[in-house]
């Protein structure tokens, strides 16, 4: 089964405290060179980008600043729309979503509404009041706008794994979701980072990935009434290097995780995988979140860059060739 692969190419990212800015600015020419190298001979690569809505405060800037600069060689736009209005008021939010779909252009192939709405951290939407209503309204607005434009845009949302049996996110979503939301939903994304925040022995990593993905499909999604026919896609996954975390181990972890995801794709209906991220924010900082890149902050590659390229070309969609 072929999969669609993607990557976040920017330097700005969020951690458990807020926003991290890269020590070196984004350089579009070098980013495009790295994306070309990763893409290899496959037909496309999804470029993940983030935009934020807030009416009463200044929202974070888009990340990367101009994602369309990276949509070369058939690459497509995977756009995340974050709900960051601290009051939780929805005035202006549906129009923000519709405008983002309109201006995304023909390269826009997927829209994720809200970012990790079930995680209460400052940089993601689970910390924003009324996020479930924003999620339900945003999914319907995005799909309605795409259909009015005659464009095929996959509309969905994402979440992180749920390990607390008392967590009511999925059942609350199931209660709130209406027919428009269910008819508009094309996928559900999962952000997960095995062996990053809680160490996992190397020989248990594949089993841990399998357990998380299976629980997401078989336990979490049914609580919201989301059927098996709605695909899962991995929206964010990665493994940071840094103190005590070798570059060789990063490459090995990514290989194990991605191959395990691909092996489960048919059984669990998984249609894509996106890596976080292309480049380190600061390769000399000791912080965990600064080192997720396939490249160091000076754009030199780590071993995992070649690993991801190999996996993309092995499992990704091949280019269309003419028949004579």
Protein backbone atom coordinates (compact mmCIF):
# COMPACT_ATOMS: atom_id res chain seq x y z
CA UNK A 1 0.00 0.00 0.00
CA UNK A 2 1.47 3.37 -1.03
CA UNK A 3 1.29 6.29 1.39
CA UNK A 4 1.42 10.04 1.04
CA UNK A 5 4.36 11.50 2.95
CA UNK A 6 4.92 15.02 4.21
CA UNK A 7 7.07 17.25 6.40
CA UNK A 8 7.00 20.55 8.25
CA UNK A 9 9.77 22.66 6.64
CA UNK A 10 9.83 25.71 8.94
CA UNK A 11 12.09 26.60 11.83
CA UNK A 12 9.47 27.98 14.26
CA UNK A 13 7.89 25.44 16.59
CA UNK A 14 6.02 25.16 19.85
CA UNK A 15 7.14 23.45 23.04
CA UNK A 16 5.49 22.91 26.42
CA UNK A 17 6.06 26.58 27.32
CA UNK A 18 5.23 28.45 24.10
CA UNK A 19 6.89 29.34 20.81
CA UNK A 20 10.54 28.61 19.92
CA UNK A 21 12.16 30.70 17.20
CA UNK A 22 15.05 29.24 15.20
CA UNK A 23 18.57 30.49 15.79
CA UNK A 24 18.99 30.81 12.01
CA UNK A 25 16.28 32.14 9.66
CA UNK A 26 14.49 30.02 7.11
CA UNK A 27 16.34 30.07 3.78
CA UNK A 28 13.83 29.10 1.06
CA UNK A 29 16.44 28.05 -1.50
CA UNK A 30 18.12 25.66 0.91
CA UNK A 31 14.79 24.37 2.17
CA UNK A 32 13.69 23.63 -1.39
CA UNK A 33 16.97 21.82 -2.05
CA UNK A 34 16.36 19.66 1.00
CA UNK A 35 12.74 18.99 0.01
CA UNK A 36 13.81 18.05 -3.52
CA UNK A 37 16.33 15.62 -2.07
CA UNK A 38 13.74 14.04 0.23
CA UNK A 39 11.09 13.79 -2.48
CA UNK A 40 13.40 11.95 -4.83
CA UNK A 41 11.38 10.28 -7.56
CA UNK A 42 7.94 10.23 -5.94
CA UNK A 43 5.12 12.27 -7.40
CA UNK A 44 4.47 14.52 -4.43
CA UNK A 45 5.39 15.50 -0.90
CA UNK A 46 3.02 17.34 1.44
CA UNK A 47 4.31 20.60 2.92
CA UNK A 48 2.82 21.14 6.36
CA UNK A 49 2.08 24.74 7.40
CA UNK A 50 0.32 26.49 10.28
CA UNK A 51 -1.93 29.57 10.47
CA UNK A 52 -3.61 30.88 13.63
CA UNK A 53 -6.89 32.69 14.30
CA UNK A 54 -7.38 35.18 17.13
CA UNK A 55 -9.72 38.18 17.13
CA UNK A 56 -8.78 39.96 20.35
CA UNK A 57 -5.01 39.34 20.49
CA UNK A 58 -2.20 39.17 17.96
CA UNK A 59 -1.97 35.57 16.74
CA UNK A 60 1.33 33.79 16.16
CA UNK A 61 2.74 34.42 12.67
CA UNK A 62 2.25 31.81 9.94
CA UNK A 63 4.82 29.03 10.03
CA UNK A 64 6.53 28.84 7.65
CA UNK A 65 6.01 32.42 6.53
CA UNK A 66 5.33 31.55 2.87
CA UNK A 67 4.58 27.85 2.42
CA UNK A 68 3.75 28.35 -1.25
CA UNK A 69 7.45 29.01 -1.85
CA UNK A 70 8.03 25.30 -1.24
CA UNK A 71 5.28 23.91 -3.48
CA UNK A 72 7.55 22.93 -6.35
CA UNK A 73 7.80 19.63 -8.27
CA UNK A 74 4.19 18.72 -7.51
CA UNK A 75 4.40 19.29 -3.76
CA UNK A 76 1.10 20.03 -2.06
CA UNK A 77 -0.05 22.14 0.89
CA UNK A 78 -1.19 20.53 4.14
CA UNK A 79 -2.61 23.50 6.05
CA UNK A 80 -3.26 23.57 9.81
CA UNK A 81 -5.69 26.21 11.11
CA UNK A 82 -5.26 26.86 14.81
CA UNK A 83 -7.99 28.34 17.02
CA UNK A 84 -6.13 30.70 19.37
CA UNK A 85 -8.84 33.18 20.44
CA UNK A 86 -8.39 33.34 24.25
CA UNK A 87 -12.03 34.26 24.91
CA UNK A 88 -13.26 31.20 23.03
CA UNK A 89 -15.64 33.38 21.00
CA UNK A 90 -16.24 32.04 17.50
CA UNK A 91 -17.02 35.36 15.79
CA UNK A 92 -14.91 35.48 12.65
CA UNK A 93 -13.59 31.93 12.97
CA UNK A 94 -15.71 30.24 10.25
CA UNK A 95 -14.85 33.04 7.81
CA UNK A 96 -11.15 32.70 8.69
CA UNK A 97 -11.39 29.01 7.81
CA UNK A 98 -13.23 29.69 4.55
CA UNK A 99 -10.74 32.41 3.56
CA UNK A 100 -7.82 30.06 4.21
CA UNK A 101 -9.37 27.48 1.90
CA UNK A 102 -10.00 30.11 -0.79
CA UNK A 103 -6.46 31.48 -0.71
CA UNK A 104 -4.80 28.08 -0.39
CA UNK A 105 -4.95 27.69 -4.14
CA UNK A 106 -5.03 24.52 -6.23
CA UNK A 107 -2.03 23.10 -4.34
CA UNK A 108 -4.10 22.92 -1.13
CA UNK A 109 -4.99 19.25 -0.69
CA UNK A 110 -5.69 19.00 3.04
CA UNK A 111 -6.91 21.25 5.84
CA UNK A 112 -6.54 20.31 9.48
CA UNK A 113 -8.93 22.25 11.70
CA UNK A 114 -7.40 22.96 15.14
CA UNK A 115 -4.09 21.69 16.47
CA UNK A 116 -4.16 19.04 19.20
CA UNK A 117 -7.51 20.13 20.67
CA UNK A 118 -7.28 17.45 23.37
CA UNK A 119 -3.93 18.64 24.79
CA UNK A 120 -3.85 21.47 27.33
CA UNK A 121 -0.52 23.15 26.57
CA UNK A 122 0.08 26.85 25.80
CA UNK A 123 1.13 26.39 22.17
CA UNK A 124 -1.76 24.13 21.09
CA UNK A 125 -5.52 24.50 20.92
CA UNK A 126 -6.51 22.25 23.80
CA UNK A 127 -5.70 25.23 26.04
CA UNK A 128 -8.24 27.45 24.21
CA UNK A 129 -11.80 27.69 25.59
CA UNK A 130 -14.64 26.41 23.40
CA UNK A 131 -12.23 24.50 21.17
CA UNK A 132 -14.67 21.64 20.53
CA UNK A 133 -17.26 24.00 19.06
CA UNK A 134 -14.51 25.64 17.00
CA UNK A 135 -13.49 22.20 15.74
CA UNK A 136 -17.00 21.15 14.73
CA UNK A 137 -17.85 24.47 13.06
CA UNK A 138 -14.44 24.74 11.38
CA UNK A 139 -14.56 21.30 9.77
CA UNK A 140 -17.99 22.01 8.28
CA UNK A 141 -16.92 25.49 7.06
CA UNK A 142 -13.76 24.18 5.40
CA UNK A 143 -15.57 21.42 3.54
CA UNK A 144 -18.39 23.73 2.45
CA UNK A 145 -15.92 26.26 1.04
CA UNK A 146 -13.88 23.61 -0.78
CA UNK A 147 -17.01 22.18 -2.36
CA UNK A 148 -18.23 25.62 -3.42
CA UNK A 149 -14.89 26.13 -5.18
CA UNK A 150 -15.05 22.71 -6.84
CA UNK A 151 -11.79 21.63 -5.19
CA UNK A 152 -10.97 18.27 -3.66
CA UNK A 153 -9.59 19.15 -0.24
CA UNK A 154 -9.38 16.56 2.53
CA UNK A 155 -10.73 18.14 5.72
CA UNK A 156 -10.00 16.77 9.15
CA UNK A 157 -8.62 17.38 12.62
CA UNK A 158 -5.93 15.85 14.79
CA UNK A 159 -5.38 14.74 18.37
CA UNK A 160 -2.77 13.20 20.63
CA UNK A 161 -3.08 9.72 22.17
CA UNK A 162 -5.37 9.42 25.18
CA UNK A 163 -3.98 7.43 28.10
CA UNK A 164 -6.35 8.68 30.84
CA UNK A 165 -9.50 6.54 31.04
CA UNK A 166 -11.38 9.48 32.59
CA UNK A 167 -10.64 11.79 29.63
CA UNK A 168 -13.95 12.79 28.03
CA UNK A 169 -12.65 14.51 24.86
CA UNK A 170 -13.82 11.82 22.45
CA UNK A 171 -17.22 11.24 24.04
CA UNK A 172 -17.77 15.00 24.29
CA UNK A 173 -16.96 15.33 20.59
CA UNK A 174 -19.37 12.53 19.80
CA UNK A 175 -22.13 14.35 21.67
CA UNK A 176 -21.43 17.68 19.98
CA UNK A 177 -20.81 16.44 16.44
CA UNK A 178 -23.73 17.02 14.07
CA UNK A 179 -24.55 15.60 10.66
CA UNK A 180 -22.66 18.39 8.82
CA UNK A 181 -19.50 17.64 10.78
CA UNK A 182 -19.69 13.92 10.16
CA UNK A 183 -20.37 14.35 6.45
CA UNK A 184 -17.50 16.83 6.15
CA UNK A 185 -14.85 14.74 7.94
CA UNK A 186 -12.33 13.16 5.58
CA UNK A 187 -9.65 12.05 8.06
CA UNK A 188 -8.53 12.15 11.67
CA UNK A 189 -4.89 12.90 12.39
CA UNK A 190 -2.69 11.58 15.18
CA UNK A 191 0.31 13.40 16.63
CA UNK A 192 2.50 11.00 18.57
CA UNK A 193 6.13 10.83 19.60
CA UNK A 194 7.06 7.38 20.91
CA UNK A 195 10.34 7.12 22.82
CA UNK A 196 10.61 10.92 23.11
CA UNK A 197 8.92 11.86 26.39
CA UNK A 198 8.83 8.34 27.84
CA UNK A 199 11.75 6.04 26.93
CA UNK A 200 10.87 2.76 25.22
CA UNK A 201 13.38 -0.10 24.84
CA UNK A 202 14.43 -0.49 21.23
CA UNK A 203 13.05 -4.02 20.96
CA UNK A 204 9.63 -2.83 22.22
CA UNK A 205 9.22 0.21 19.99
CA UNK A 206 7.27 -1.46 17.17
CA UNK A 207 4.87 -3.03 19.67
CA UNK A 208 4.37 0.34 21.39
CA UNK A 209 3.58 2.04 18.08
CA UNK A 210 1.15 -0.74 17.21
CA UNK A 211 -0.59 -0.41 20.57
CA UNK A 212 -1.03 3.36 20.27
CA UNK A 213 -2.36 3.24 16.73
CA UNK A 214 -4.69 0.34 17.47
CA UNK A 215 -6.11 2.07 20.55
CA UNK A 216 -6.64 5.25 18.55
CA UNK A 217 -8.63 3.38 15.90
CA UNK A 218 -10.44 0.84 18.07
CA UNK A 219 -11.04 2.81 21.29
CA UNK A 220 -10.77 6.59 20.86
CA UNK A 221 -12.46 7.17 17.51
CA UNK A 222 -15.50 4.96 18.20
CA UNK A 223 -16.24 7.03 21.31
CA UNK A 224 -16.84 9.98 18.97
CA UNK A 225 -18.83 7.87 16.52
CA UNK A 226 -16.08 8.07 13.88
CA UNK A 227 -16.21 4.92 11.74
CA UNK A 228 -13.35 2.82 10.36
CA UNK A 229 -14.08 4.22 6.89
CA UNK A 230 -12.59 7.59 7.94
CA UNK A 231 -8.82 7.31 7.42
CA UNK A 232 -6.20 8.01 10.05
CA UNK A 233 -3.11 9.94 9.08
CA UNK A 234 0.00 10.58 11.14
CA UNK A 235 0.23 14.37 11.19
CA UNK A 236 3.25 14.84 13.46
CA UNK A 237 5.88 12.32 14.46
CA UNK A 238 9.58 12.68 15.09
CA UNK A 239 12.50 11.97 17.40
CA UNK A 240 14.92 14.65 18.59
CA UNK A 241 18.68 14.34 18.81
CA UNK A 242 20.74 16.20 21.41
CA UNK A 243 22.46 15.38 24.70
CA UNK A 244 22.23 11.62 25.24
CA UNK A 245 20.25 11.20 22.02
CA UNK A 246 22.38 10.17 19.05
CA UNK A 247 21.76 10.97 15.41
CA UNK A 248 22.10 7.27 14.58
CA UNK A 249 19.33 6.43 17.04
CA UNK A 250 17.10 9.07 15.42
CA UNK A 251 17.47 7.35 12.06
CA UNK A 252 16.75 3.92 13.58
CA UNK A 253 13.65 5.12 15.45
CA UNK A 254 12.18 6.79 12.37
CA UNK A 255 12.78 3.66 10.31
CA UNK A 256 11.03 1.46 12.90
CA UNK A 257 8.10 3.83 13.43
CA UNK A 258 7.40 4.49 9.75
CA UNK A 259 7.70 0.84 8.75
CA UNK A 260 5.34 -0.12 11.58
CA UNK A 261 2.83 2.54 10.48
CA UNK A 262 3.02 1.27 6.89
CA UNK A 263 2.53 -2.34 8.00
CA UNK A 264 -0.67 -1.32 9.82
CA UNK A 265 -1.96 0.92 7.04
CA UNK A 266 -4.40 -1.55 5.51
CA UNK A 267 -5.80 -2.96 8.75
CA UNK A 268 -6.23 0.41 10.47
CA UNK A 269 -6.94 2.51 7.34
CA UNK A 270 -3.92 4.83 7.58
CA UNK A 271 -3.38 6.95 4.48
CA UNK A 272 -0.44 9.24 5.24
CA UNK A 273 2.53 10.19 7.40
CA UNK A 274 4.10 13.59 8.03
CA UNK A 275 7.41 14.12 9.82
CA UNK A 276 8.18 16.85 12.31
CA UNK A 277 10.50 18.48 11.28
CA UNK A 278 12.92 19.32 8.49
CA UNK A 279 15.41 21.39 10.51
CA UNK A 280 16.54 21.96 14.09
CA UNK A 281 15.58 25.21 15.76
CA UNK A 282 18.96 25.36 17.50
CA UNK A 283 21.38 22.45 17.29
CA UNK A 284 23.46 23.80 20.18
CA UNK A 285 20.61 24.28 22.64
CA UNK A 286 20.15 21.56 25.25
CA UNK A 287 16.34 21.77 25.07
CA UNK A 288 14.58 18.66 23.82
CA UNK A 289 12.32 20.50 21.37
CA UNK A 290 15.19 22.23 19.57
CA UNK A 291 16.52 19.07 17.86
CA UNK A 292 13.67 17.39 15.94
CA UNK A 293 15.13 18.18 12.51
CA UNK A 294 16.41 15.85 9.84
CA UNK A 295 18.90 18.67 9.27
CA UNK A 296 20.95 20.58 11.78
CA UNK A 297 20.22 24.31 12.11
CA UNK A 298 22.91 25.06 9.49
CA UNK A 299 21.06 22.83 6.97
CA UNK A 300 23.64 20.02 7.04
CA UNK A 301 21.93 16.61 7.05
CA UNK A 302 21.75 14.10 9.87
CA UNK A 303 21.67 10.38 9.00
CA UNK A 304 17.87 10.36 9.41
CA UNK A 305 17.56 12.55 6.33
CA UNK A 306 18.77 9.71 4.10
CA UNK A 307 16.57 7.27 6.03
CA UNK A 308 13.42 9.31 5.44
CA UNK A 309 14.28 9.80 1.78
CA UNK A 310 14.67 6.05 1.34
CA UNK A 311 11.34 5.35 3.03
CA UNK A 312 9.54 7.98 0.94
CA UNK A 313 10.88 6.53 -2.27
CA UNK A 314 10.18 2.96 -1.19
CA UNK A 315 6.60 3.49 0.00
CA UNK A 316 5.43 6.77 -1.56
CA UNK A 317 3.38 7.36 -4.66
CA UNK A 318 5.53 6.88 -7.77
CA UNK A 319 5.50 9.49 -10.52
CA UNK A 320 2.97 9.12 -13.29
CA UNK A 321 4.64 8.00 -16.52
CA UNK A 322 3.13 8.25 -19.96
CA UNK A 323 2.23 5.09 -21.86
CA UNK A 324 3.13 4.98 -25.54
